Protein backbone atom coordinates (compact mmCIF):
# COMPACT_ATOMS: atom_id res chain seq x y z
CA UNK A 1 103.48 -162.91 -142.22
CA UNK A 2 103.90 -166.51 -141.06
CA UNK A 3 106.89 -167.40 -138.95
CA UNK A 4 109.47 -169.76 -140.45
CA UNK A 5 109.01 -173.32 -139.28
CA UNK A 6 111.45 -174.77 -136.77
CA UNK A 7 113.70 -177.66 -137.76
CA UNK A 8 112.65 -180.84 -135.93
CA UNK A 9 115.99 -181.10 -134.09
CA UNK A 10 118.25 -178.52 -132.55
CA UNK A 11 121.51 -178.92 -130.65
CA UNK A 12 124.04 -176.90 -128.70
CA UNK A 13 127.57 -177.96 -127.84
CA UNK A 14 128.82 -177.50 -124.28
CA UNK A 15 132.60 -178.06 -124.01
CA UNK A 16 133.35 -179.80 -120.70
CA UNK A 17 136.33 -181.04 -118.69
CA UNK A 18 139.95 -179.95 -119.19
CA UNK A 19 139.89 -182.16 -122.31
CA UNK A 20 137.27 -179.86 -123.91
CA UNK A 21 134.91 -182.68 -124.74
CA UNK A 22 131.81 -181.76 -126.76
CA UNK A 23 128.90 -182.55 -124.48
CA UNK A 24 125.80 -181.88 -126.61
CA UNK A 25 122.29 -180.91 -125.60
CA UNK A 26 119.93 -182.19 -128.31
CA UNK A 27 116.23 -181.46 -128.33
CA UNK A 28 112.98 -181.98 -130.19
CA UNK A 29 111.58 -178.58 -131.14
CA UNK A 30 108.01 -179.92 -131.23
CA UNK A 31 108.05 -181.07 -127.60
CA UNK A 32 111.08 -179.23 -126.13
CA UNK A 33 112.20 -182.56 -124.68
CA UNK A 34 115.99 -182.99 -124.66
CA UNK A 35 118.82 -185.44 -124.16
CA UNK A 36 122.29 -184.68 -122.85
CA UNK A 37 124.89 -186.58 -124.85
CA UNK A 38 128.22 -187.44 -123.19
CA UNK A 39 128.18 -185.37 -119.97
CA UNK A 40 131.77 -185.96 -118.97
CA UNK A 41 131.89 -183.19 -116.36
CA UNK A 42 131.03 -179.59 -115.50
CA UNK A 43 127.44 -180.35 -114.56
CA UNK A 44 126.68 -176.73 -113.65
CA UNK A 45 127.70 -175.61 -117.13
CA UNK A 46 125.53 -178.29 -118.72
CA UNK A 47 122.53 -177.39 -116.59
CA UNK A 48 122.97 -173.71 -117.44
CA UNK A 49 122.91 -174.57 -121.15
CA UNK A 50 119.75 -176.62 -120.65
CA UNK A 51 118.08 -173.75 -118.79
CA UNK A 52 119.14 -171.23 -121.44
CA UNK A 53 117.33 -173.24 -124.12
CA UNK A 54 114.20 -173.76 -122.03
CA UNK A 55 114.16 -177.52 -122.62
CA UNK A 56 113.36 -180.45 -120.35
CA UNK A 57 115.95 -183.24 -120.23
CA UNK A 58 114.39 -186.69 -120.41
CA UNK A 59 117.53 -188.84 -120.69
CA UNK A 60 121.30 -189.03 -120.90
CA UNK A 61 122.88 -190.68 -123.95
CA UNK A 62 126.45 -192.00 -124.11
CA UNK A 63 128.57 -192.75 -127.15
CA UNK A 64 131.27 -194.55 -125.14
CA UNK A 65 132.77 -195.01 -121.72
CA UNK A 66 135.85 -192.78 -121.61
CA UNK A 67 136.12 -190.47 -118.60
CA UNK A 68 135.68 -187.19 -120.51
CA UNK A 69 132.41 -188.48 -122.00
CA UNK A 70 130.91 -190.43 -119.12
CA UNK A 71 132.55 -189.25 -115.89
CA UNK A 72 129.57 -187.33 -114.51
CA UNK A 73 126.76 -189.07 -116.39
CA UNK A 74 125.50 -190.76 -113.22
CA UNK A 75 125.46 -187.63 -111.01
CA UNK A 76 123.69 -185.64 -113.73
CA UNK A 77 121.13 -188.37 -114.37
CA UNK A 78 120.44 -188.69 -110.65
CA UNK A 79 120.13 -184.92 -110.28
CA UNK A 80 117.60 -184.75 -113.13
CA UNK A 81 115.83 -188.01 -112.32
CA UNK A 82 116.39 -189.48 -115.79
CA UNK A 83 117.76 -192.69 -117.29
CA UNK A 84 121.09 -193.30 -119.00
CA UNK A 85 121.08 -195.07 -122.37
CA UNK A 86 124.28 -196.37 -123.96
CA UNK A 87 126.91 -197.19 -124.76
CA UNK A 88 127.25 -200.83 -125.92
CA UNK A 89 127.98 -203.32 -123.14
CA UNK A 90 131.50 -203.88 -124.50
CA UNK A 91 132.42 -200.63 -122.70
CA UNK A 92 131.28 -201.89 -119.29
CA UNK A 93 134.92 -202.16 -118.16
CA UNK A 94 135.40 -198.44 -118.77
CA UNK A 95 132.31 -197.46 -116.79
CA UNK A 96 133.45 -199.71 -113.94
CA UNK A 97 136.79 -197.88 -113.67
CA UNK A 98 135.64 -194.26 -114.07
CA UNK A 99 136.81 -193.29 -110.57
CA UNK A 100 140.35 -194.55 -111.17
CA UNK A 101 140.51 -193.05 -114.65
CA UNK A 102 139.18 -189.73 -113.37
CA UNK A 103 141.93 -189.55 -110.78
CA UNK A 104 144.52 -189.74 -113.56
CA UNK A 105 143.05 -186.71 -115.34
CA UNK A 106 141.81 -184.69 -112.39
CA UNK A 107 138.20 -185.28 -113.42
CA UNK A 108 135.45 -186.68 -111.20
CA UNK A 109 134.41 -190.13 -112.36
CA UNK A 110 131.42 -191.96 -110.89
CA UNK A 111 131.06 -195.64 -111.91
CA UNK A 112 127.60 -196.88 -112.91
CA UNK A 113 125.64 -199.31 -115.03
CA UNK A 114 123.39 -197.61 -117.60
CA UNK A 115 119.67 -198.20 -117.54
CA UNK A 116 119.90 -199.49 -121.11
CA UNK A 117 122.81 -200.88 -123.07
CA UNK A 118 122.56 -200.19 -126.80
CA UNK A 119 123.19 -202.43 -129.83
CA UNK A 120 123.18 -202.01 -133.58
CA UNK A 121 119.65 -201.50 -134.86
CA UNK A 122 118.30 -199.97 -131.66
CA UNK A 123 116.67 -196.56 -131.68
CA UNK A 124 116.61 -193.87 -129.02
CA UNK A 125 113.90 -191.26 -128.72
CA UNK A 126 114.10 -187.59 -127.76
CA UNK A 127 110.59 -186.22 -127.60
CA UNK A 128 109.13 -187.03 -131.03
CA UNK A 129 112.57 -187.62 -132.57
CA UNK A 130 113.81 -191.13 -133.33
CA UNK A 131 117.57 -191.61 -133.71
CA UNK A 132 119.18 -194.76 -135.08
CA UNK A 133 121.99 -196.45 -133.15
CA UNK A 134 125.08 -197.86 -134.87
CA UNK A 135 127.90 -199.86 -133.31
CA UNK A 136 131.21 -198.19 -134.23
CA UNK A 137 134.05 -199.95 -132.40
CA UNK A 138 137.71 -199.05 -132.77
CA UNK A 139 138.25 -196.10 -130.43
CA UNK A 140 136.63 -198.24 -127.73
CA UNK A 141 135.03 -201.66 -128.24
CA UNK A 142 131.57 -200.46 -127.17
CA UNK A 143 131.39 -197.14 -129.01
CA UNK A 144 128.07 -196.22 -130.63
CA UNK A 145 126.88 -193.28 -132.71
CA UNK A 146 123.44 -191.67 -133.03
CA UNK A 147 121.96 -190.67 -136.40
CA UNK A 148 118.86 -188.58 -137.06
CA UNK A 149 118.33 -189.22 -140.75
CA UNK A 150 115.59 -186.57 -141.30
CA UNK A 151 117.97 -183.87 -140.01
CA UNK A 152 121.02 -185.36 -141.75
CA UNK A 153 122.90 -185.18 -138.45
CA UNK A 154 125.07 -187.70 -136.64
CA UNK A 155 126.55 -187.58 -133.15
CA UNK A 156 129.76 -189.54 -133.60
CA UNK A 157 131.67 -189.24 -130.33
CA UNK A 158 135.35 -189.98 -130.84
CA UNK A 159 135.08 -191.97 -134.07
CA UNK A 160 135.65 -189.10 -136.51
CA UNK A 161 136.81 -185.49 -136.18
CA UNK A 162 137.25 -182.60 -138.54
CA UNK A 163 140.50 -183.55 -140.24
CA UNK A 164 141.26 -186.54 -138.04
CA UNK A 165 139.96 -189.77 -136.53
CA UNK A 166 139.66 -191.19 -133.04
CA UNK A 167 142.72 -192.39 -131.18
CA UNK A 168 143.29 -196.12 -131.04
CA UNK A 169 146.37 -196.18 -128.81
CA UNK A 170 144.27 -196.47 -125.64
CA UNK A 171 143.51 -199.85 -124.08
CA UNK A 172 141.45 -202.09 -126.40
CA UNK A 173 141.66 -199.63 -129.28
CA UNK A 174 141.79 -201.07 -132.79
CA UNK A 175 142.74 -198.85 -135.74
CA UNK A 176 141.60 -201.10 -138.62
CA UNK A 177 138.32 -201.57 -136.80
CA UNK A 178 137.93 -197.80 -136.41
CA UNK A 179 138.50 -197.19 -140.12
CA UNK A 180 135.97 -199.91 -140.95
CA UNK A 181 133.44 -198.24 -138.64
CA UNK A 182 133.85 -194.95 -140.48
CA UNK A 183 133.67 -196.44 -143.98
CA UNK A 184 130.97 -199.04 -143.31
CA UNK A 185 128.75 -197.17 -140.85
CA UNK A 186 129.25 -193.41 -141.31
CA UNK A 187 129.76 -192.95 -145.04
CA UNK A 188 126.52 -194.78 -145.98
CA UNK A 189 124.60 -192.14 -144.00
CA UNK A 190 125.27 -189.81 -146.95
CA UNK A 191 127.88 -187.24 -147.92
CA UNK A 192 125.56 -184.38 -146.96
CA UNK A 193 125.33 -185.61 -143.35
CA UNK A 194 126.73 -183.17 -140.79
CA UNK A 195 128.30 -184.53 -137.63
CA UNK A 196 129.11 -183.37 -134.13
CA UNK A 197 132.34 -184.99 -132.92
CA UNK A 198 133.52 -185.56 -129.39
CA UNK A 199 136.14 -182.82 -129.69
CA UNK A 200 136.65 -179.84 -131.97
CA UNK A 201 134.41 -178.27 -134.61
CA UNK A 202 131.56 -179.92 -136.44
CA UNK A 203 131.97 -180.98 -140.05
CA UNK A 204 130.24 -183.11 -142.67
CA UNK A 205 131.07 -186.38 -144.36
CA UNK A 206 131.50 -184.80 -147.79
CA UNK A 207 134.26 -182.55 -146.46
CA UNK A 208 136.00 -185.40 -144.64
CA UNK A 209 135.87 -187.72 -147.64
CA UNK A 210 137.55 -184.98 -149.67
CA UNK A 211 140.14 -183.72 -147.18
CA UNK A 212 140.65 -185.98 -144.14
CA UNK A 213 144.21 -187.32 -144.26
CA UNK A 214 143.16 -190.59 -142.60
CA UNK A 215 139.87 -191.49 -144.29
CA UNK A 216 139.50 -189.39 -147.42
CA UNK A 217 138.64 -191.38 -150.52
CA UNK A 218 142.11 -190.64 -151.83
CA UNK A 219 143.84 -191.76 -148.62
CA UNK A 220 141.92 -195.01 -148.49
CA UNK A 221 142.61 -195.83 -152.14
CA UNK A 222 146.35 -195.25 -151.83
């Protein structure tokens, strides 16, 4: 009997920091090459998850510059000898102040400049996988999301959550801009697209368009 084929992409969520941020280890099943998305802290926990899956990390990806997503990106990248890609350069000010922001939350923050800033239309690779990059400002000005269309999966950081949306009451947040990012960038990916948010459980766009009190079709047409 033949073994069932592996999906091209697999992912595991590793909650990190006291803010329970969803750091995600994403890998290509054909090559077992991986990326760590948003390593905000708890490096030992992240490395244990990587070891448990038997994958080799080839890069760090960032959706945005908030402390719980980016605080320990630099130490982890240095430890693994890999590059950091993302977010958009409009979040440079957040990466520059990670140490100060970390002190406010009791989280280690190490300032850095990524090896590659990302813009709309870029792609990032993980092994044989190619993910599309979309600019999704609103929660932060330089927020980006990653979409693997063949797997119908998006990594959306703090743009959208199950039943909610990203906060815009932080510095340089913009609520109308956030809603536009969801409607103009996420919804066109398709209702069947599943997403991993920066906090809380995964969901899919169909469910959110039907039930999310902030961005359901009914809420937006009211």
